[in-house]
C-alpha atoms as a PDB file:
ATOM      1  CA  MET A   1      10.849   5.861 -45.590  1.00  0.00           C
ATOM      2  CA  LYS A   2       9.557   9.180 -46.794  1.00  0.00           C
ATOM      3  CA  PHE A   3      10.570  12.479 -45.210  1.00  0.00           C
ATOM      4  CA  ARG A   4       9.412  16.018 -45.873  1.00  0.00           C
ATOM      5  CA  VAL A   5      12.029  18.276 -47.470  1.00  0.00           C
ATOM      6  CA  VAL A   6      11.804  22.067 -47.577  1.00  0.00           C
ATOM      7  CA  ILE A   7      13.415  23.882 -50.516  1.00  0.00           C
ATOM      8  CA  GLU A   8      13.975  27.618 -50.522  1.00  0.00           C
ATOM      9  CA  GLN A   9      15.857  29.835 -52.928  1.00  0.00           C
ATOM     10  CA  ASP A  10      18.374  32.186 -51.301  1.00  0.00           C
ATOM     11  CA  GLU A  11      19.221  35.741 -52.324  1.00  0.00           C
ATOM     12  CA  ASP A  12      22.013  34.470 -54.611  1.00  0.00           C
ATOM     13  CA  GLY A  13      19.639  32.158 -56.496  1.00  0.00           C
ATOM     14  CA  LYS A  14      20.988  28.960 -54.911  1.00  0.00           C
ATOM     15  CA  PHE A  15      18.448  26.362 -53.744  1.00  0.00           C
ATOM     16  CA  ILE A  16      18.735  25.336 -50.088  1.00  0.00           C
ATOM     17  CA  ALA A  17      17.146  22.029 -49.080  1.00  0.00           C
ATOM     18  CA  SER A  18      16.572  20.868 -45.509  1.00  0.00           C
ATOM     19  CA  CYS A  19      14.811  18.018 -43.746  1.00  0.00           C
ATOM     20  CA  PRO A  20      12.997  19.263 -40.603  1.00  0.00           C
ATOM     21  CA  THR A  21      12.808  15.733 -39.172  1.00  0.00           C
ATOM     22  CA  LEU A  22      16.602  15.436 -39.267  1.00  0.00           C
ATOM     23  CA  PRO A  23      17.987  18.481 -37.424  1.00  0.00           C
ATOM     24  CA  GLY A  24      20.996  19.992 -39.171  1.00  0.00           C
ATOM     25  CA  CYS A  25      20.471  17.982 -42.349  1.00  0.00           C
ATOM     26  CA  VAL A  26      20.842  20.710 -44.980  1.00  0.00           C
ATOM     27  CA  SER A  27      22.243  20.785 -48.495  1.00  0.00           C
ATOM     28  CA  ASP A  28      22.097  23.031 -51.539  1.00  0.00           C
ATOM     29  CA  GLY A  29      22.326  23.111 -55.302  1.00  0.00           C
ATOM     30  CA  ASN A  30      22.329  25.446 -58.266  1.00  0.00           C
ATOM     31  CA  THR A  31      18.947  24.000 -59.353  1.00  0.00           C
ATOM     32  CA  ARG A  32      15.989  22.459 -57.521  1.00  0.00           C
ATOM     33  CA  ASP A  33      16.857  19.048 -58.949  1.00  0.00           C
ATOM     34  CA  GLU A  34      20.474  19.355 -57.816  1.00  0.00           C
ATOM     35  CA  ALA A  35      19.391  20.453 -54.331  1.00  0.00           C
ATOM     36  CA  LEU A  36      16.981  17.485 -54.134  1.00  0.00           C
ATOM     37  CA  ALA A  37      19.686  15.026 -55.183  1.00  0.00           C
ATOM     38  CA  ASN A  38      22.113  16.530 -52.673  1.00  0.00           C
ATOM     39  CA  ILE A  39      19.665  16.494 -49.752  1.00  0.00           C
ATOM     40  CA  LYS A  40      18.780  12.883 -50.542  1.00  0.00           C
ATOM     41  CA  ASP A  41      22.478  11.955 -50.264  1.00  0.00           C
ATOM     42  CA  ALA A  42      22.788  13.972 -47.038  1.00  0.00           C
ATOM     43  CA  MET A  43      19.698  12.297 -45.563  1.00  0.00           C
ATOM     44  CA  GLU A  44      20.970   8.818 -46.434  1.00  0.00           C
ATOM     45  CA  GLY A  45      24.295   9.626 -44.739  1.00  0.00           C
ATOM     46  CA  TYR A  46      22.518  11.084 -41.702  1.00  0.00           C
ATOM     47  CA  LEU A  47      20.297   8.019 -41.305  1.00  0.00           C
ATOM     48  CA  ALA A  48      23.243   5.630 -41.827  1.00  0.00           C
ATOM     49  CA  SER A  49      25.134   7.487 -39.095  1.00  0.00           C
ATOM     50  CA  LEU A  50      22.180   7.184 -36.699  1.00  0.00           C
ATOM     51  CA  GLN A  51      21.892   3.491 -37.475  1.00  0.00           C
ATOM     52  CA  LYS A  52      25.625   2.890 -37.007  1.00  0.00           C
ATOM     53  CA  SER A  53      25.657   4.620 -33.618  1.00  0.00           C
ATOM     54  CA  GLY A  54      22.501   2.812 -32.494  1.00  0.00           C
ATOM     55  CA  ASP A  55      20.456   5.999 -32.242  1.00  0.00           C
ATOM     56  CA  PRO A  56      16.744   5.805 -33.079  1.00  0.00           C
ATOM     57  CA  ILE A  57      15.576   6.729 -36.562  1.00  0.00           C
ATOM     58  CA  PRO A  58      13.050   9.605 -36.317  1.00  0.00           C
ATOM     59  CA  SER A  59       9.565   8.932 -37.625  1.00  0.00           C
ATOM     60  CA  PRO A  60       8.690  10.753 -40.827  1.00  0.00           C
ATOM     61  CA  ILE A  61       6.458  13.793 -40.417  1.00  0.00           C
ATOM     62  CA  THR A  62       2.874  13.376 -41.500  1.00  0.00           C
ATOM     63  CA  GLU A  63       1.131  16.417 -42.869  1.00  0.00           C
ATOM     64  CA  GLU A  64      -1.993  17.537 -44.615  1.00  0.00           C
ATOM     65  CA  ILE A  65      -2.423  20.121 -47.352  1.00  0.00           C
ATOM     66  CA  ILE A  66      -5.257  22.544 -46.712  1.00  0.00           C
ATOM     67  CA  ASP A  67      -6.896  24.440 -49.571  1.00  0.00           C
ATOM     68  CA  VAL A  68      -7.912  27.912 -48.367  1.00  0.00           C
ATOM     69  CA  ASN A  69     -10.393  29.994 -50.367  1.00  0.00           C
ATOM     70  CA  LEU A  70      -9.251  33.593 -49.999  1.00  0.00           C
ATOM     71  CA  GLY A  71     -12.646  34.851 -51.154  1.00  0.00           C
ATOM     72  CA  GLN A  72     -14.206  33.586 -47.909  1.00  0.00           C
ATOM     73  CA  ILE A  73     -11.696  35.247 -45.583  1.00  0.00           C
ATOM     74  CA  GLU A  74     -13.062  38.410 -43.992  1.00  0.00           C
ATOM     75  CA  GLY A  75     -11.328  41.506 -45.314  1.00  0.00           C
ATOM     76  CA  ALA A  76      -9.673  39.726 -48.236  1.00  0.00           C
ATOM     77  CA  ALA A  77      -9.322  41.908 -51.313  1.00  0.00           C
END
């Protein structure tokens, strides 16, 4: 299964990774790669816990990427 992960850098330079589909599933790392590895482990543990307790596995989020041309937006500089 594929899930969307959001990675943001905090004010201390640490990378925070979260999975919106899995509420409370958050991890961090000193680099993007470390944060990605850590969130993957956290997600696997989260999903294993859901499975063990018989709770449903959430469906992955589907999304689209939209390319916006700023030159066509009224008032854009």
